[in-house]
Each structure stands twice: as C-alpha cells, then as structure tokens.
C-alpha cells in the first residue's frame, strides 16, 4: 500500500557512535527526534546544575516539541527502550554487539512500522540474545521480511519463504519444514 510505514534493521552494527542510546534511537524520528534528544540531554544536565540560559533553552525546546506534537514520540521512545531493557544514558559505542543490535532494533521499532525489514538479524548475537530477539519479533505484531541463514529463526518465525534459485524467484507458503518438503518434491519431479 502506498503509505506503508517501513523500517529496517540493517546487518551492520552502528559504527563508532558517540551518541547515547536515547539520541541514537530518537534520531530515527528526524527533526522531532532531534528536538527530543536535545530536550532529553538538557534535562539530564539540568538535574545536576543549571543556568538561566539553560532554562530558556529548555522552554524553547518544549515549545518546539509542542508545535510538532512530539510528546507522543517521547513516550514511544521511553516505552521502546524500557521494553528492550536499554539504558537511555549509555553510549552506543560502549555496548556489546548484542546490545548494539538491541539499540538498532529500538531505533527501527520507534517509528511504529507496519513492515520491518531485517538483514541477517541474528548476526553478532549469542544464543540468549537470539532467543530474546525471536521473542521480541514474535510479539511485535507487525509484518516481517527477513534475510537469514539462521534456520532456527526461519523455523520459528517464517510463514512464507521466498527463494531465489538459478535466477527463478519462488514463493513457498507455510513454514520452513513445509518449504523443505515441497522443495524436495519439486527437485525430485525435475529429475524425472
């Protein structure tokens, strides 16, 4: 459909990001995300000390966020980070590969996509993190289109498999076991 909201979880991890997890995730929301990230950073700084200039800047940011109706996004960011058990103040660069993958997933989910594209989503993850990711994807209630070599992920999540073989694209309905069975039947029929 023309207005389908699509997000992507890339195979690559964030490169040398000096951002906090909050800033990294909020950045996906374009201008509103930048305003929210600035507001969040300023409120963190104000909790320790502040000047009159800081308070003026805070009021200006609040006004801009109000004008963009951005407070709903603030709540979405907070809920997403909480759900994925991410510390908003931690630097992305200090996270392990698995935790960076979580931050990247949070970044994709914060846009409330209807379709999530995943490129080798289990790369850089240990077994516990893979299980966690599978559980999160199962509970998302959104469409998933993923490329993977992880057969366990295929078995658990796939409801249709698209295969590109010898320049031919084939759509196989059903789960991975069904795909294997029907593929074997087709290969056997080709031999005859």
N, C-alpha and C. Protein backbone atom coordinates (compact mmCIF):
# COMPACT_ATOMS: atom_id res chain seq x y z
N UNK A 1 0.85 -1.18 0.00
CA UNK A 1 0.00 0.00 0.00
C UNK A 1 0.89 1.24 0.00
N UNK A 2 0.47 2.32 -0.60
CA UNK A 2 1.32 3.48 -0.81
C UNK A 2 1.89 4.12 0.47
N UNK A 3 1.15 4.14 1.54
CA UNK A 3 1.61 4.83 2.75
C UNK A 3 2.10 3.85 3.82
N UNK A 4 2.53 2.69 3.41
CA UNK A 4 3.03 1.67 4.33
C UNK A 4 4.25 2.20 5.08
N UNK A 5 4.23 2.10 6.41
CA UNK A 5 5.37 2.51 7.23
C UNK A 5 6.35 1.35 7.31
N UNK A 6 7.54 1.56 6.77
CA UNK A 6 8.56 0.52 6.71
C UNK A 6 9.77 0.96 7.52
N UNK A 7 10.34 0.03 8.28
CA UNK A 7 11.59 0.27 9.00
C UNK A 7 12.55 -0.86 8.65
N UNK A 8 13.84 -0.62 8.91
CA UNK A 8 14.86 -1.59 8.52
C UNK A 8 15.83 -1.81 9.67
N UNK A 9 16.14 -3.05 9.92
CA UNK A 9 17.20 -3.42 10.85
C UNK A 9 18.34 -3.93 9.99
N UNK A 10 19.38 -3.11 9.85
CA UNK A 10 20.50 -3.44 8.98
C UNK A 10 21.36 -4.53 9.59
N UNK A 11 22.12 -5.19 8.74
CA UNK A 11 23.03 -6.23 9.20
C UNK A 11 24.20 -5.63 9.96
N UNK A 12 24.65 -4.45 9.54
CA UNK A 12 25.80 -3.82 10.16
C UNK A 12 25.40 -3.18 11.50
N UNK A 13 26.33 -3.20 12.43
CA UNK A 13 26.12 -2.54 13.71
C UNK A 13 26.44 -1.06 13.56
N UNK A 14 25.91 -0.21 14.46
CA UNK A 14 26.25 1.22 14.40
C UNK A 14 27.77 1.40 14.49
N UNK A 15 28.32 2.27 13.65
CA UNK A 15 29.76 2.46 13.63
C UNK A 15 30.19 3.60 14.54
N UNK A 16 30.97 3.30 15.54
CA UNK A 16 31.62 4.28 16.40
C UNK A 16 30.70 5.43 16.81
N UNK A 17 29.50 5.13 17.15
CA UNK A 17 28.55 6.15 17.55
C UNK A 17 28.93 6.74 18.90
N UNK A 18 29.02 8.06 18.96
CA UNK A 18 29.31 8.75 20.22
C UNK A 18 28.01 9.21 20.89
N UNK A 19 26.89 8.77 20.35
CA UNK A 19 25.59 9.15 20.88
C UNK A 19 25.20 8.27 22.06
N UNK A 20 24.31 8.78 22.88
CA UNK A 20 23.68 7.94 23.88
C UNK A 20 22.67 7.06 23.16
N UNK A 21 22.21 6.03 23.83
CA UNK A 21 21.19 5.16 23.25
C UNK A 21 19.95 5.98 22.93
N UNK A 22 19.56 6.88 23.83
CA UNK A 22 18.38 7.71 23.59
C UNK A 22 18.55 8.52 22.30
N UNK A 23 19.69 9.19 22.15
CA UNK A 23 19.93 10.01 20.96
C UNK A 23 19.92 9.17 19.69
N UNK A 24 20.55 8.00 19.76
CA UNK A 24 20.62 7.10 18.62
C UNK A 24 19.22 6.66 18.18
N UNK A 25 18.38 6.30 19.13
CA UNK A 25 17.03 5.84 18.82
C UNK A 25 16.16 7.00 18.34
N UNK A 26 16.24 8.14 19.02
CA UNK A 26 15.42 9.31 18.66
C UNK A 26 15.76 9.84 17.28
N UNK A 27 17.00 9.67 16.86
CA UNK A 27 17.44 10.18 15.56
C UNK A 27 16.60 9.63 14.40
N UNK A 28 16.03 8.46 14.58
CA UNK A 28 15.20 7.85 13.53
C UNK A 28 13.91 8.65 13.29
N UNK A 29 13.55 9.51 14.23
CA UNK A 29 12.33 10.30 14.11
C UNK A 29 12.58 11.68 13.49
N UNK A 30 13.66 11.81 12.77
CA UNK A 30 14.00 13.02 12.03
C UNK A 30 14.06 14.26 12.94
N UNK A 31 13.47 15.35 12.51
CA UNK A 31 13.56 16.62 13.24
C UNK A 31 12.96 16.52 14.64
N UNK A 32 11.81 15.88 14.75
CA UNK A 32 11.19 15.73 16.07
C UNK A 32 12.10 14.94 17.00
N UNK A 33 12.74 13.92 16.47
CA UNK A 33 13.67 13.13 17.26
C UNK A 33 14.86 13.94 17.73
N UNK A 34 15.37 14.81 16.87
CA UNK A 34 16.49 15.67 17.27
C UNK A 34 16.08 16.61 18.40
N UNK A 35 14.89 17.17 18.28
CA UNK A 35 14.39 18.05 19.35
C UNK A 35 14.25 17.29 20.66
N UNK A 36 13.69 16.09 20.59
CA UNK A 36 13.52 15.28 21.80
C UNK A 36 14.87 14.88 22.39
N UNK A 37 15.83 14.54 21.54
CA UNK A 37 17.16 14.18 22.03
C UNK A 37 17.82 15.37 22.72
N UNK A 38 17.68 16.55 22.14
CA UNK A 38 18.24 17.77 22.77
C UNK A 38 17.55 18.04 24.10
N UNK A 39 16.23 17.91 24.12
CA UNK A 39 15.48 18.12 25.35
C UNK A 39 15.91 17.12 26.43
N UNK A 40 16.03 15.86 26.05
CA UNK A 40 16.43 14.81 26.99
C UNK A 40 17.82 15.09 27.55
N UNK A 41 18.78 15.44 26.69
CA UNK A 41 20.15 15.74 27.13
C UNK A 41 20.17 16.95 28.06
N UNK A 42 19.38 17.96 27.73
CA UNK A 42 19.34 19.16 28.56
C UNK A 42 18.73 18.87 29.93
N UNK A 43 17.67 18.08 29.97
CA UNK A 43 17.06 17.76 31.29
C UNK A 43 18.02 16.93 32.14
N UNK A 44 18.83 16.08 31.49
CA UNK A 44 19.83 15.32 32.25
C UNK A 44 20.88 16.26 32.84
N UNK A 45 21.30 17.24 32.04
CA UNK A 45 22.28 18.22 32.51
C UNK A 45 21.69 19.10 33.62
N UNK A 46 20.42 19.47 33.47
CA UNK A 46 19.78 20.34 34.46
C UNK A 46 19.60 19.66 35.81
N UNK A 47 19.55 18.34 35.82
CA UNK A 47 19.39 17.63 37.08
C UNK A 47 20.62 17.79 37.97
N UNK A 48 21.75 18.19 37.37
CA UNK A 48 22.97 18.38 38.15
C UNK A 48 23.20 19.85 38.48
N UNK A 49 23.02 20.74 37.53
CA UNK A 49 23.11 22.19 37.75
C UNK A 49 22.53 22.89 36.53
N UNK A 50 22.19 24.16 36.68
CA UNK A 50 21.61 24.87 35.55
C UNK A 50 21.85 26.37 35.66
N UNK A 51 21.69 27.02 34.50
CA UNK A 51 21.78 28.47 34.42
C UNK A 51 20.46 28.99 33.87
N UNK A 52 20.29 30.28 33.90
CA UNK A 52 19.09 30.88 33.32
C UNK A 52 19.02 30.60 31.82
N UNK A 53 20.17 30.57 31.17
CA UNK A 53 20.21 30.28 29.73
C UNK A 53 19.73 28.86 29.46
N UNK A 54 20.10 27.91 30.34
CA UNK A 54 19.63 26.53 30.20
C UNK A 54 18.11 26.46 30.31
N UNK A 55 17.55 27.19 31.26
CA UNK A 55 16.10 27.19 31.45
C UNK A 55 15.39 27.81 30.25
N UNK A 56 15.97 28.86 29.67
CA UNK A 56 15.39 29.47 28.47
C UNK A 56 15.43 28.49 27.30
N UNK A 57 16.55 27.80 27.17
CA UNK A 57 16.68 26.81 26.10
C UNK A 57 15.68 25.67 26.28
N UNK A 58 15.47 25.25 27.53
CA UNK A 58 14.50 24.21 27.83
C UNK A 58 13.09 24.65 27.42
N UNK A 59 12.73 25.88 27.76
CA UNK A 59 11.41 26.41 27.41
C UNK A 59 11.23 26.47 25.89
N UNK A 60 12.30 26.86 25.18
CA UNK A 60 12.24 26.93 23.72
C UNK A 60 12.05 25.54 23.11
N UNK A 61 12.80 24.56 23.63
CA UNK A 61 12.65 23.18 23.14
C UNK A 61 11.25 22.64 23.41
N UNK A 62 10.72 22.92 24.60
CA UNK A 62 9.36 22.47 24.92
C UNK A 62 8.35 23.05 23.94
N UNK A 63 8.51 24.32 23.62
CA UNK A 63 7.61 24.98 22.69
C UNK A 63 7.69 24.35 21.29
N UNK A 64 8.90 24.07 20.83
CA UNK A 64 9.08 23.46 19.52
C UNK A 64 8.51 22.04 19.48
N UNK A 65 8.70 21.30 20.55
CA UNK A 65 8.16 19.93 20.61
C UNK A 65 6.64 19.97 20.65
N UNK A 66 6.08 20.92 21.41
CA UNK A 66 4.63 21.10 21.44
C UNK A 66 4.10 21.38 20.03
N UNK A 67 4.77 22.26 19.31
CA UNK A 67 4.32 22.65 17.97
C UNK A 67 4.33 21.45 17.01
N UNK A 68 5.25 20.54 17.21
CA UNK A 68 5.33 19.35 16.34
C UNK A 68 4.55 18.16 16.91
N UNK A 69 3.85 18.39 18.02
CA UNK A 69 3.11 17.33 18.71
C UNK A 69 4.02 16.13 18.97
N UNK A 70 5.22 16.43 19.47
CA UNK A 70 6.26 15.43 19.63
C UNK A 70 6.26 14.67 20.94
N UNK A 71 5.41 15.06 21.88
CA UNK A 71 5.44 14.38 23.19
C UNK A 71 5.00 12.92 23.10
N UNK A 72 4.16 12.61 22.15
CA UNK A 72 3.76 11.20 21.97
C UNK A 72 4.98 10.36 21.56
N UNK A 73 5.86 10.95 20.76
CA UNK A 73 7.08 10.24 20.36
C UNK A 73 8.01 10.06 21.56
N UNK A 74 8.03 11.03 22.46
CA UNK A 74 8.84 10.91 23.67
C UNK A 74 8.42 9.66 24.44
N UNK A 75 7.14 9.49 24.59
CA UNK A 75 6.62 8.32 25.32
C UNK A 75 6.94 7.02 24.55
N UNK A 76 6.83 7.06 23.23
CA UNK A 76 7.15 5.88 22.41
C UNK A 76 8.61 5.49 22.59
N UNK A 77 9.50 6.47 22.58
CA UNK A 77 10.92 6.19 22.77
C UNK A 77 11.14 5.55 24.14
N UNK A 78 10.57 6.15 25.18
CA UNK A 78 10.74 5.63 26.54
C UNK A 78 10.22 4.20 26.67
N UNK A 79 9.04 3.94 26.12
CA UNK A 79 8.47 2.60 26.20
C UNK A 79 9.29 1.58 25.43
N UNK A 80 9.79 1.98 24.27
CA UNK A 80 10.59 1.07 23.46
C UNK A 80 11.90 0.73 24.17
N UNK A 81 12.56 1.74 24.73
CA UNK A 81 13.81 1.50 25.45
C UNK A 81 13.57 0.62 26.68
N UNK A 82 12.47 0.87 27.35
CA UNK A 82 12.13 0.06 28.53
C UNK A 82 11.85 -1.39 28.13
N UNK A 83 11.09 -1.56 27.07
CA UNK A 83 10.73 -2.90 26.61
C UNK A 83 11.98 -3.70 26.22
N UNK A 84 12.94 -3.02 25.60
CA UNK A 84 14.16 -3.68 25.14
C UNK A 84 15.27 -3.64 26.20
N UNK A 85 14.92 -3.15 27.38
CA UNK A 85 15.82 -3.13 28.53
C UNK A 85 17.12 -2.38 28.24
N UNK A 86 16.99 -1.23 27.57
CA UNK A 86 18.14 -0.40 27.21
C UNK A 86 18.24 0.81 28.13
N UNK A 87 19.44 1.13 28.55
CA UNK A 87 19.71 2.31 29.37
C UNK A 87 19.84 3.51 28.43
N UNK A 88 18.94 4.48 28.51
CA UNK A 88 18.97 5.60 27.57
C UNK A 88 20.23 6.46 27.67
N UNK A 89 20.89 6.45 28.80
CA UNK A 89 22.07 7.30 29.01
C UNK A 89 23.38 6.65 28.59
N UNK A 90 23.36 5.36 28.31
CA UNK A 90 24.58 4.66 27.95
C UNK A 90 25.01 5.02 26.54
N UNK A 91 26.32 5.13 26.32
CA UNK A 91 26.83 5.41 24.99
C UNK A 91 26.72 4.16 24.12
N UNK A 92 26.27 4.32 22.89
CA UNK A 92 26.13 3.20 21.97
C UNK A 92 27.49 2.52 21.77
N UNK A 93 28.55 3.32 21.70
CA UNK A 93 29.88 2.77 21.47
C UNK A 93 30.37 1.88 22.61
N UNK A 94 29.77 2.01 23.79
CA UNK A 94 30.19 1.19 24.93
C UNK A 94 29.44 -0.14 25.01
N UNK A 95 28.46 -0.34 24.14
CA UNK A 95 27.65 -1.55 24.17
C UNK A 95 28.32 -2.69 23.42
N UNK A 96 28.04 -3.91 23.86
CA UNK A 96 28.49 -5.10 23.13
C UNK A 96 27.70 -5.19 21.82
N UNK A 97 28.13 -6.08 20.93
CA UNK A 97 27.43 -6.26 19.66
C UNK A 97 25.96 -6.60 19.84
N UNK A 98 25.66 -7.47 20.81
CA UNK A 98 24.27 -7.84 21.06
C UNK A 98 23.42 -6.67 21.54
N UNK A 99 23.99 -5.86 22.42
CA UNK A 99 23.26 -4.70 22.92
C UNK A 99 23.14 -3.61 21.86
N UNK A 100 24.15 -3.50 20.98
CA UNK A 100 24.03 -2.56 19.86
C UNK A 100 22.91 -3.02 18.93
N UNK A 101 22.76 -4.33 18.75
CA UNK A 101 21.67 -4.86 17.93
C UNK A 101 20.33 -4.49 18.55
N UNK A 102 20.23 -4.57 19.88
CA UNK A 102 19.00 -4.15 20.57
C UNK A 102 18.71 -2.68 20.31
N UNK A 103 19.76 -1.85 20.41
CA UNK A 103 19.57 -0.41 20.17
C UNK A 103 19.11 -0.17 18.73
N UNK A 104 19.68 -0.91 17.79
CA UNK A 104 19.26 -0.77 16.39
C UNK A 104 17.81 -1.22 16.21
N UNK A 105 17.41 -2.27 16.91
CA UNK A 105 16.02 -2.72 16.85
C UNK A 105 15.09 -1.66 17.44
N UNK A 106 15.49 -1.07 18.56
CA UNK A 106 14.70 0.00 19.17
C UNK A 106 14.53 1.16 18.19
N UNK A 107 15.61 1.49 17.51
CA UNK A 107 15.59 2.58 16.52
C UNK A 107 14.58 2.28 15.42
N UNK A 108 14.55 1.03 14.97
CA UNK A 108 13.59 0.65 13.91
C UNK A 108 12.16 0.64 14.44
N UNK A 109 11.95 0.14 15.65
CA UNK A 109 10.60 -0.01 16.19
C UNK A 109 9.97 1.31 16.62
N UNK A 110 10.78 2.30 16.95
CA UNK A 110 10.25 3.56 17.47
C UNK A 110 9.40 4.30 16.44
N UNK A 111 9.55 3.96 15.18
CA UNK A 111 8.74 4.59 14.13
C UNK A 111 7.38 3.93 13.97
N UNK A 112 7.10 2.90 14.76
CA UNK A 112 5.85 2.14 14.68
C UNK A 112 5.61 1.62 13.27
N UNK A 113 6.55 0.85 12.74
CA UNK A 113 6.39 0.37 11.36
C UNK A 113 5.30 -0.68 11.24
N UNK A 114 4.78 -0.79 10.02
CA UNK A 114 3.85 -1.87 9.70
C UNK A 114 4.60 -3.06 9.12
N UNK A 115 5.78 -2.78 8.56
CA UNK A 115 6.64 -3.81 7.98
C UNK A 115 8.07 -3.54 8.42
N UNK A 116 8.70 -4.57 8.97
CA UNK A 116 10.09 -4.46 9.43
C UNK A 116 10.95 -5.35 8.55
N UNK A 117 11.96 -4.75 7.90
CA UNK A 117 12.90 -5.47 7.06
C UNK A 117 14.14 -5.79 7.90
N UNK A 118 14.53 -7.05 7.91
CA UNK A 118 15.67 -7.48 8.73
C UNK A 118 16.70 -8.18 7.85
N UNK A 119 17.94 -7.75 7.93
CA UNK A 119 19.02 -8.34 7.16
C UNK A 119 19.94 -9.07 8.12
N UNK A 120 19.91 -10.39 8.09
CA UNK A 120 20.71 -11.24 8.99
C UNK A 120 20.59 -10.76 10.45
N UNK A 121 19.39 -10.77 11.00
CA UNK A 121 19.16 -10.16 12.32
C UNK A 121 19.89 -10.84 13.48
N UNK A 122 20.32 -12.09 13.32
CA UNK A 122 20.96 -12.76 14.45
C UNK A 122 22.48 -12.64 14.43
N UNK A 123 23.03 -11.93 13.44
CA UNK A 123 24.48 -11.70 13.43
C UNK A 123 24.87 -10.94 14.70
N UNK A 124 26.04 -11.23 15.24
CA UNK A 124 26.61 -10.57 16.41
C UNK A 124 25.91 -10.92 17.71
N UNK A 125 25.01 -11.91 17.70
CA UNK A 125 24.26 -12.24 18.90
C UNK A 125 24.65 -13.61 19.44
N UNK A 126 24.65 -13.71 20.77
CA UNK A 126 24.86 -15.02 21.38
C UNK A 126 23.50 -15.74 21.46
N UNK A 127 23.51 -16.96 21.95
CA UNK A 127 22.28 -17.77 21.94
C UNK A 127 21.16 -17.12 22.75
N UNK A 128 21.49 -16.59 23.93
CA UNK A 128 20.46 -15.95 24.76
C UNK A 128 19.88 -14.72 24.05
N UNK A 129 20.74 -13.95 23.39
CA UNK A 129 20.27 -12.75 22.69
C UNK A 129 19.42 -13.12 21.47
N UNK A 130 19.78 -14.22 20.81
CA UNK A 130 18.97 -14.68 19.67
C UNK A 130 17.57 -15.07 20.16
N UNK A 131 17.50 -15.79 21.26
CA UNK A 131 16.21 -16.18 21.83
C UNK A 131 15.39 -14.94 22.18
N UNK A 132 16.06 -13.97 22.80
CA UNK A 132 15.39 -12.72 23.18
C UNK A 132 14.85 -12.03 21.92
N UNK A 133 15.69 -11.93 20.86
CA UNK A 133 15.28 -11.26 19.63
C UNK A 133 14.08 -11.97 19.01
N UNK A 134 14.12 -13.28 18.95
CA UNK A 134 13.00 -14.04 18.40
C UNK A 134 11.72 -13.74 19.18
N UNK A 135 11.81 -13.72 20.50
CA UNK A 135 10.64 -13.42 21.33
C UNK A 135 10.10 -12.02 21.03
N UNK A 136 11.01 -11.05 20.90
CA UNK A 136 10.59 -9.67 20.60
C UNK A 136 9.90 -9.60 19.24
N UNK A 137 10.47 -10.26 18.25
CA UNK A 137 9.88 -10.23 16.91
C UNK A 137 8.53 -10.93 16.87
N UNK A 138 8.40 -12.01 17.64
CA UNK A 138 7.11 -12.73 17.71
C UNK A 138 6.03 -11.84 18.33
N UNK A 139 6.41 -10.99 19.27
CA UNK A 139 5.42 -10.19 19.99
C UNK A 139 5.16 -8.83 19.33
N UNK A 140 5.89 -8.50 18.28
CA UNK A 140 5.76 -7.18 17.64
C UNK A 140 4.40 -6.94 16.97
N UNK A 141 3.79 -7.97 16.47
CA UNK A 141 2.51 -7.86 15.76
C UNK A 141 2.62 -6.96 14.53
N UNK A 142 3.76 -7.08 13.81
CA UNK A 142 3.95 -6.36 12.55
C UNK A 142 4.45 -7.35 11.52
N UNK A 143 4.38 -6.95 10.26
CA UNK A 143 4.91 -7.79 9.20
C UNK A 143 6.43 -7.80 9.24
N UNK A 144 7.00 -8.97 8.99
CA UNK A 144 8.45 -9.13 8.98
C UNK A 144 8.88 -9.69 7.64
N UNK A 145 9.91 -9.12 7.07
CA UNK A 145 10.54 -9.66 5.88
C UNK A 145 12.02 -9.74 6.21
N UNK A 146 12.55 -10.97 6.26
CA UNK A 146 13.94 -11.10 6.70
C UNK A 146 14.75 -12.01 5.80
N UNK A 147 16.03 -11.68 5.75
CA UNK A 147 17.03 -12.49 5.06
C UNK A 147 17.88 -13.10 6.16
N UNK A 148 18.03 -14.43 6.11
CA UNK A 148 18.80 -15.07 7.17
C UNK A 148 19.36 -16.41 6.72
N UNK A 149 20.43 -16.80 7.37
CA UNK A 149 20.96 -18.15 7.24
C UNK A 149 20.65 -18.96 8.49
N UNK A 150 20.00 -18.34 9.45
CA UNK A 150 19.69 -18.94 10.74
C UNK A 150 18.43 -19.80 10.60
N UNK A 151 18.63 -21.09 10.52
CA UNK A 151 17.50 -22.00 10.30
C UNK A 151 16.55 -22.04 11.49
N UNK A 152 17.07 -21.90 12.69
CA UNK A 152 16.19 -21.89 13.86
C UNK A 152 15.25 -20.68 13.81
N UNK A 153 15.77 -19.53 13.39
CA UNK A 153 14.94 -18.34 13.23
C UNK A 153 13.88 -18.57 12.16
N UNK A 154 14.29 -19.17 11.04
CA UNK A 154 13.34 -19.50 9.98
C UNK A 154 12.22 -20.40 10.49
N UNK A 155 12.61 -21.44 11.22
CA UNK A 155 11.62 -22.39 11.73
C UNK A 155 10.63 -21.72 12.67
N UNK A 156 11.11 -20.79 13.46
CA UNK A 156 10.25 -20.17 14.46
C UNK A 156 9.37 -19.06 13.90
N UNK A 157 9.90 -18.27 12.94
CA UNK A 157 9.19 -17.06 12.52
C UNK A 157 8.55 -17.12 11.13
N UNK A 158 9.10 -17.91 10.23
CA UNK A 158 8.65 -17.85 8.83
C UNK A 158 7.27 -18.44 8.64
N UNK A 159 6.45 -17.72 7.88
CA UNK A 159 5.13 -18.23 7.48
C UNK A 159 5.03 -18.32 5.95
N UNK A 160 6.05 -17.80 5.27
CA UNK A 160 6.18 -17.89 3.81
C UNK A 160 7.65 -17.69 3.51
N UNK A 161 8.18 -18.44 2.55
CA UNK A 161 9.59 -18.34 2.19
C UNK A 161 9.69 -17.99 0.71
N UNK A 162 10.46 -16.95 0.44
CA UNK A 162 10.77 -16.56 -0.93
C UNK A 162 12.17 -17.05 -1.22
N UNK A 163 12.30 -17.86 -2.26
CA UNK A 163 13.60 -18.43 -2.60
C UNK A 163 14.01 -17.96 -3.99
N UNK A 164 15.26 -17.52 -4.09
CA UNK A 164 15.84 -17.18 -5.37
C UNK A 164 16.83 -18.28 -5.72
N UNK A 165 16.50 -19.08 -6.72
CA UNK A 165 17.32 -20.24 -7.10
C UNK A 165 17.47 -20.26 -8.61
N UNK A 166 18.70 -20.22 -9.09
CA UNK A 166 19.00 -20.25 -10.52
C UNK A 166 18.24 -19.19 -11.29
N UNK A 167 18.17 -17.99 -10.70
CA UNK A 167 17.52 -16.86 -11.35
C UNK A 167 16.00 -16.89 -11.29
N UNK A 168 15.43 -17.86 -10.60
CA UNK A 168 13.97 -18.02 -10.50
C UNK A 168 13.52 -17.71 -9.07
N UNK A 169 12.56 -16.80 -8.93
CA UNK A 169 12.01 -16.48 -7.62
C UNK A 169 10.75 -17.30 -7.39
N UNK A 170 10.74 -18.04 -6.28
CA UNK A 170 9.59 -18.89 -5.95
C UNK A 170 9.09 -18.52 -4.57
N UNK A 171 7.78 -18.43 -4.43
CA UNK A 171 7.15 -18.15 -3.15
C UNK A 171 6.57 -19.46 -2.61
N UNK A 172 7.04 -19.85 -1.44
CA UNK A 172 6.61 -21.09 -0.81
C UNK A 172 5.76 -20.76 0.41
N UNK A 173 4.47 -21.03 0.39
CA UNK A 173 3.64 -20.78 1.57
C UNK A 173 3.97 -21.77 2.69
N UNK A 174 3.74 -21.35 3.90
CA UNK A 174 3.94 -22.24 5.05
C UNK A 174 5.27 -22.02 5.72
N UNK A 175 5.57 -22.91 6.63
CA UNK A 175 6.78 -22.78 7.46
C UNK A 175 8.00 -23.39 6.76
N UNK A 176 9.12 -23.38 7.47
CA UNK A 176 10.38 -23.85 6.90
C UNK A 176 10.34 -25.35 6.59
N UNK A 177 9.75 -26.14 7.47
CA UNK A 177 9.65 -27.58 7.22
C UNK A 177 8.83 -27.85 5.96
N UNK A 178 7.76 -27.10 5.76
CA UNK A 178 6.95 -27.23 4.55
C UNK A 178 7.77 -26.86 3.32
N UNK A 179 8.56 -25.80 3.43
CA UNK A 179 9.43 -25.39 2.33
C UNK A 179 10.38 -26.52 1.95
N UNK A 180 11.04 -27.12 2.94
CA UNK A 180 11.99 -28.20 2.66
C UNK A 180 11.32 -29.38 1.98
N UNK A 181 10.14 -29.74 2.46
CA UNK A 181 9.41 -30.87 1.88
C UNK A 181 9.00 -30.58 0.44
N UNK A 182 8.42 -29.42 0.21
CA UNK A 182 7.94 -29.08 -1.14
C UNK A 182 9.10 -28.85 -2.10
N UNK A 183 10.20 -28.31 -1.60
CA UNK A 183 11.38 -28.11 -2.43
C UNK A 183 11.94 -29.47 -2.87
N UNK A 184 12.00 -30.41 -1.95
CA UNK A 184 12.47 -31.77 -2.27
C UNK A 184 11.56 -32.42 -3.31
N UNK A 185 10.24 -32.22 -3.16
CA UNK A 185 9.30 -32.77 -4.13
C UNK A 185 9.53 -32.18 -5.52
N UNK A 186 9.77 -30.87 -5.56
CA UNK A 186 10.00 -30.21 -6.85
C UNK A 186 11.30 -30.71 -7.48
N UNK A 187 12.35 -30.83 -6.70
CA UNK A 187 13.64 -31.33 -7.22
C UNK A 187 13.49 -32.75 -7.74
N UNK A 188 12.74 -33.57 -7.01
CA UNK A 188 12.50 -34.94 -7.43
C UNK A 188 11.73 -34.96 -8.76
N UNK A 189 10.72 -34.10 -8.89
CA UNK A 189 9.92 -34.04 -10.12
C UNK A 189 10.79 -33.57 -11.29
N UNK A 190 11.74 -32.66 -11.06
CA UNK A 190 12.61 -32.17 -12.12
C UNK A 190 13.54 -33.28 -12.62
N UNK A 191 13.93 -34.19 -11.74
CA UNK A 191 14.81 -35.29 -12.12
C UNK A 191 14.12 -36.28 -13.04
N UNK A 192 12.80 -36.38 -12.90
CA UNK A 192 12.06 -37.36 -13.71
C UNK A 192 11.86 -36.87 -15.09
